[in-house]
Structures are given as structure tokens and as C-alpha cells.
């Protein structure tokens, strides 16, 4: 399996997820607490619909791969290739309408992450890595290569967002 194939699949999936959100999930909803009374852990119908959508796309393209998702557990645990899904990372932000929530998807080989996607549908932006040295941000149709600092100490870092 080539990383480039997975990378291209995830780019297409991110764009499909953004369309799916805008067409199907960008409407009123109710949140339920799946945590204890003292531990608020919201879940919405969108969490489940996103995960079903992601699972369907992966299963269609890679039917023998394992899938592990936050809402629906594991499928096909015998494959060396696996996908780990958090359909809405930041459900609390999602619930209050703050745009910092994302869809997180990791592609793994023998339980080691190889390629990851962080997709922000409201912002029409996603981050993806091709390998350990190449990562990109896609903002609409613009692609920009990311780089890591050579700083050795965090206290010397200057951090900002796009």
C-alpha cells in the first residue's frame, strides 16, 4: 500500500466531509450527555452520521482494513491496516457553534500511525501529513507545506494561527 494513495484518498474524503456537513448536518440538533452526571460528555446525531459517512467511504475503498471509531467501536480487527476515527473532535465546541471542532482520522499500519487528517468543515480547511517529513494545510483550494521549527526549547517558541 502506497502512502500517496492513502494521502489522495484522505484529501478527497476531507472535501467530501465538508460537502456532507454543509448539505446534511449544518442544522439544528440536540446534544445528549454520554458521560456521567458530573462528567459532561456530549454526543450529537452529527457525531454518528459523520462516523457512518467516514466508515462507508473507507469500507468502499479499503474493504479489508480495520476501522476503529469513537461512536461504533471496531470492525474487522484482523487487518494490519487500520483507520482510527474521531468523527467530531471538540463536540463541546460543535454544540455551541464554535468552529474549532474537527474530524480526526488516522491511517495506521500494525497499530502505528502513518498518515493523519484533521479536517475543519466550517473553516473549509484541513491538515494532512504525507509522511514523517511532509505535512500540508489546505485552505479552500490553496495548499501550503507546513514546517517544524528547529527550536530545542518550548519557551523560545512563538506560536500563532492562520
Protein backbone atom coordinates (compact mmCIF):
# COMPACT_ATOMS: atom_id res chain seq x y z
CA UNK A 1 0.00 0.00 0.00
CA UNK A 2 1.43 3.36 -1.03
CA UNK A 3 1.22 6.36 1.27
CA UNK A 4 0.41 8.55 -1.72
CA UNK A 5 -2.77 6.54 -2.39
CA UNK A 6 -3.93 6.97 1.21
CA UNK A 7 -2.95 10.65 1.15
CA UNK A 8 -5.00 11.27 -2.01
CA UNK A 9 -7.94 9.31 -0.58
CA UNK A 10 -7.87 11.46 2.59
CA UNK A 11 -7.77 14.69 0.58
CA UNK A 12 -10.88 13.59 -1.31
CA UNK A 13 -12.50 12.42 1.93
CA UNK A 14 -11.88 15.80 3.61
CA UNK A 15 -13.56 17.62 0.74
CA UNK A 16 -16.45 15.13 0.79
CA UNK A 17 -16.83 15.61 4.56
CA UNK A 18 -17.03 19.37 4.11
CA UNK A 19 -19.79 19.00 1.49
CA UNK A 20 -21.58 16.41 3.63
CA UNK A 21 -21.55 18.78 6.61
CA UNK A 22 -22.88 21.72 4.62
CA UNK A 23 -25.62 19.72 2.88
CA UNK A 24 -26.74 17.31 5.63
CA UNK A 25 -25.53 18.32 9.09
CA UNK A 26 -25.50 22.11 9.26
CA UNK A 27 -28.87 22.37 11.00
CA UNK A 28 -30.38 22.41 14.48
CA UNK A 29 -29.77 19.39 16.68
CA UNK A 30 -29.89 18.24 20.29
CA UNK A 31 -26.91 17.10 22.30
CA UNK A 32 -27.09 14.17 24.69
CA UNK A 33 -24.74 13.53 27.59
CA UNK A 34 -22.99 10.18 27.22
CA UNK A 35 -20.94 10.82 30.37
CA UNK A 36 -21.95 10.64 33.99
CA UNK A 37 -23.93 13.39 35.70
CA UNK A 38 -20.73 15.01 36.92
CA UNK A 39 -18.82 14.47 33.65
CA UNK A 40 -20.50 16.20 30.72
CA UNK A 41 -19.52 14.37 27.51
CA UNK A 42 -21.85 15.49 24.72
CA UNK A 43 -22.75 13.46 21.65
CA UNK A 44 -24.97 14.55 18.77
CA UNK A 45 -26.59 12.85 15.83
CA UNK A 46 -23.88 14.54 13.74
CA UNK A 47 -21.16 12.52 15.55
CA UNK A 48 -22.88 9.32 14.47
CA UNK A 49 -23.68 10.49 10.93
CA UNK A 50 -20.12 11.70 10.36
CA UNK A 51 -18.70 8.38 11.56
CA UNK A 52 -21.11 6.36 9.38
CA UNK A 53 -20.15 8.50 6.38
CA UNK A 54 -16.42 8.09 7.04
CA UNK A 55 -16.78 4.33 7.61
CA UNK A 56 -18.74 3.93 4.37
CA UNK A 57 -16.05 5.73 2.34
CA UNK A 58 -13.23 3.69 3.91
CA UNK A 59 -15.09 0.39 3.60
CA UNK A 60 -15.86 1.02 -0.05
CA UNK A 61 -12.24 1.85 -0.95
CA UNK A 62 -10.46 -0.47 1.52
CA UNK A 63 -12.90 -3.28 2.43
CA UNK A 64 -10.32 -5.44 4.25
CA UNK A 65 -8.99 -2.71 6.54
CA UNK A 66 -9.89 -2.45 10.22
CA UNK A 67 -11.90 0.54 11.37
CA UNK A 68 -11.97 1.83 14.94
CA UNK A 69 -14.38 4.65 15.69
CA UNK A 70 -15.42 6.55 18.77
CA UNK A 71 -19.14 6.02 18.23
CA UNK A 72 -19.37 2.50 16.77
CA UNK A 73 -16.29 0.64 18.03
CA UNK A 74 -14.18 -1.77 15.97
CA UNK A 75 -14.75 -3.60 12.70
CA UNK A 76 -12.50 -6.29 11.17
CA UNK A 77 -9.77 -6.39 13.81
CA UNK A 78 -7.59 -8.84 11.83
CA UNK A 79 -6.07 -6.44 9.30
CA UNK A 80 -2.56 -4.98 9.57
CA UNK A 81 -4.08 -1.77 8.19
CA UNK A 82 -6.44 0.21 10.38
CA UNK A 83 -8.27 3.50 10.48
CA UNK A 84 -8.98 5.36 13.71
CA UNK A 85 -11.84 7.86 13.63
CA UNK A 86 -12.95 10.62 15.95
CA UNK A 87 -15.92 11.94 13.95
CA UNK A 88 -16.15 15.21 15.88
CA UNK A 89 -13.17 16.12 18.00
CA UNK A 90 -14.39 19.01 20.09
CA UNK A 91 -18.07 18.14 20.35
CA UNK A 92 -18.50 20.82 23.02
CA UNK A 93 -17.30 23.43 20.50
CA UNK A 94 -19.61 21.91 17.89
CA UNK A 95 -22.58 22.12 20.28
CA UNK A 96 -22.08 25.84 20.96
CA UNK A 97 -21.35 26.70 17.32
CA UNK A 98 -17.65 27.43 17.76
CA UNK A 99 -15.72 26.43 14.56
CA UNK A 100 -12.72 24.78 16.23
CA UNK A 101 -14.13 21.22 16.10
CA UNK A 102 -12.75 18.79 13.54
CA UNK A 103 -12.97 15.33 12.04
CA UNK A 104 -9.84 13.35 13.00
CA UNK A 105 -8.78 10.31 11.01
CA UNK A 106 -5.57 8.30 11.29
CA UNK A 107 -4.37 5.59 8.95
CA UNK A 108 -2.21 3.02 10.74
CA UNK A 109 -0.04 0.07 9.80
CA UNK A 110 0.49 -2.54 12.52
CA UNK A 111 -1.00 -0.11 15.06
CA UNK A 112 1.47 2.67 14.20
CA UNK A 113 0.03 5.89 12.75
CA UNK A 114 1.28 6.62 9.24
CA UNK A 115 -0.94 9.39 7.88
CA UNK A 116 -3.32 11.69 9.73
CA UNK A 117 -6.07 14.11 8.80
CA UNK A 118 -7.53 16.94 10.85
CA UNK A 119 -10.47 18.39 8.93
CA UNK A 120 -12.32 21.58 9.93
CA UNK A 121 -15.56 21.65 7.85
CA UNK A 122 -16.84 25.06 8.96
CA UNK A 123 -13.49 26.63 8.11
CA UNK A 124 -13.15 24.67 4.83
CA UNK A 125 -9.63 23.82 5.96
CA UNK A 126 -7.72 20.63 6.67
CA UNK A 127 -4.29 19.47 7.75
CA UNK A 128 -2.72 16.27 6.48
CA UNK A 129 0.66 14.60 6.55
CA UNK A 130 2.08 12.50 3.72
CA UNK A 131 4.93 11.08 5.78
CA UNK A 132 7.08 11.97 8.79
CA UNK A 133 8.63 14.96 6.98
CA UNK A 134 5.82 16.29 4.78
CA UNK A 135 2.67 17.92 6.11
CA UNK A 136 0.30 20.36 4.44
CA UNK A 137 -2.62 22.65 5.13
CA UNK A 138 -5.37 23.00 2.54
CA UNK A 139 -7.38 26.19 2.91
CA UNK A 140 -10.12 26.05 0.30
CA UNK A 141 -8.19 25.23 -2.86
CA UNK A 142 -4.87 26.61 -1.59
CA UNK A 143 -2.21 24.15 -0.44
CA UNK A 144 0.70 25.16 1.77
CA UNK A 145 3.53 22.99 3.04
CA UNK A 146 4.00 23.11 6.80
CA UNK A 147 7.33 23.16 8.51
CA UNK A 148 8.56 22.47 12.00
CA UNK A 149 10.78 24.75 13.94
CA UNK A 150 14.34 23.75 14.86
CA UNK A 151 13.92 25.25 18.33
CA UNK A 152 15.02 22.97 21.14
CA UNK A 153 13.13 24.69 23.97
CA UNK A 154 9.43 25.43 24.01
CA UNK A 155 9.95 28.66 25.96
CA UNK A 156 11.65 30.15 22.85
CA UNK A 157 8.71 29.38 20.57
CA UNK A 158 6.37 31.97 19.12
CA UNK A 159 3.03 30.42 18.30
CA UNK A 160 0.25 31.80 16.12
CA UNK A 161 -2.60 30.50 13.98
CA UNK A 162 -3.55 31.19 10.40
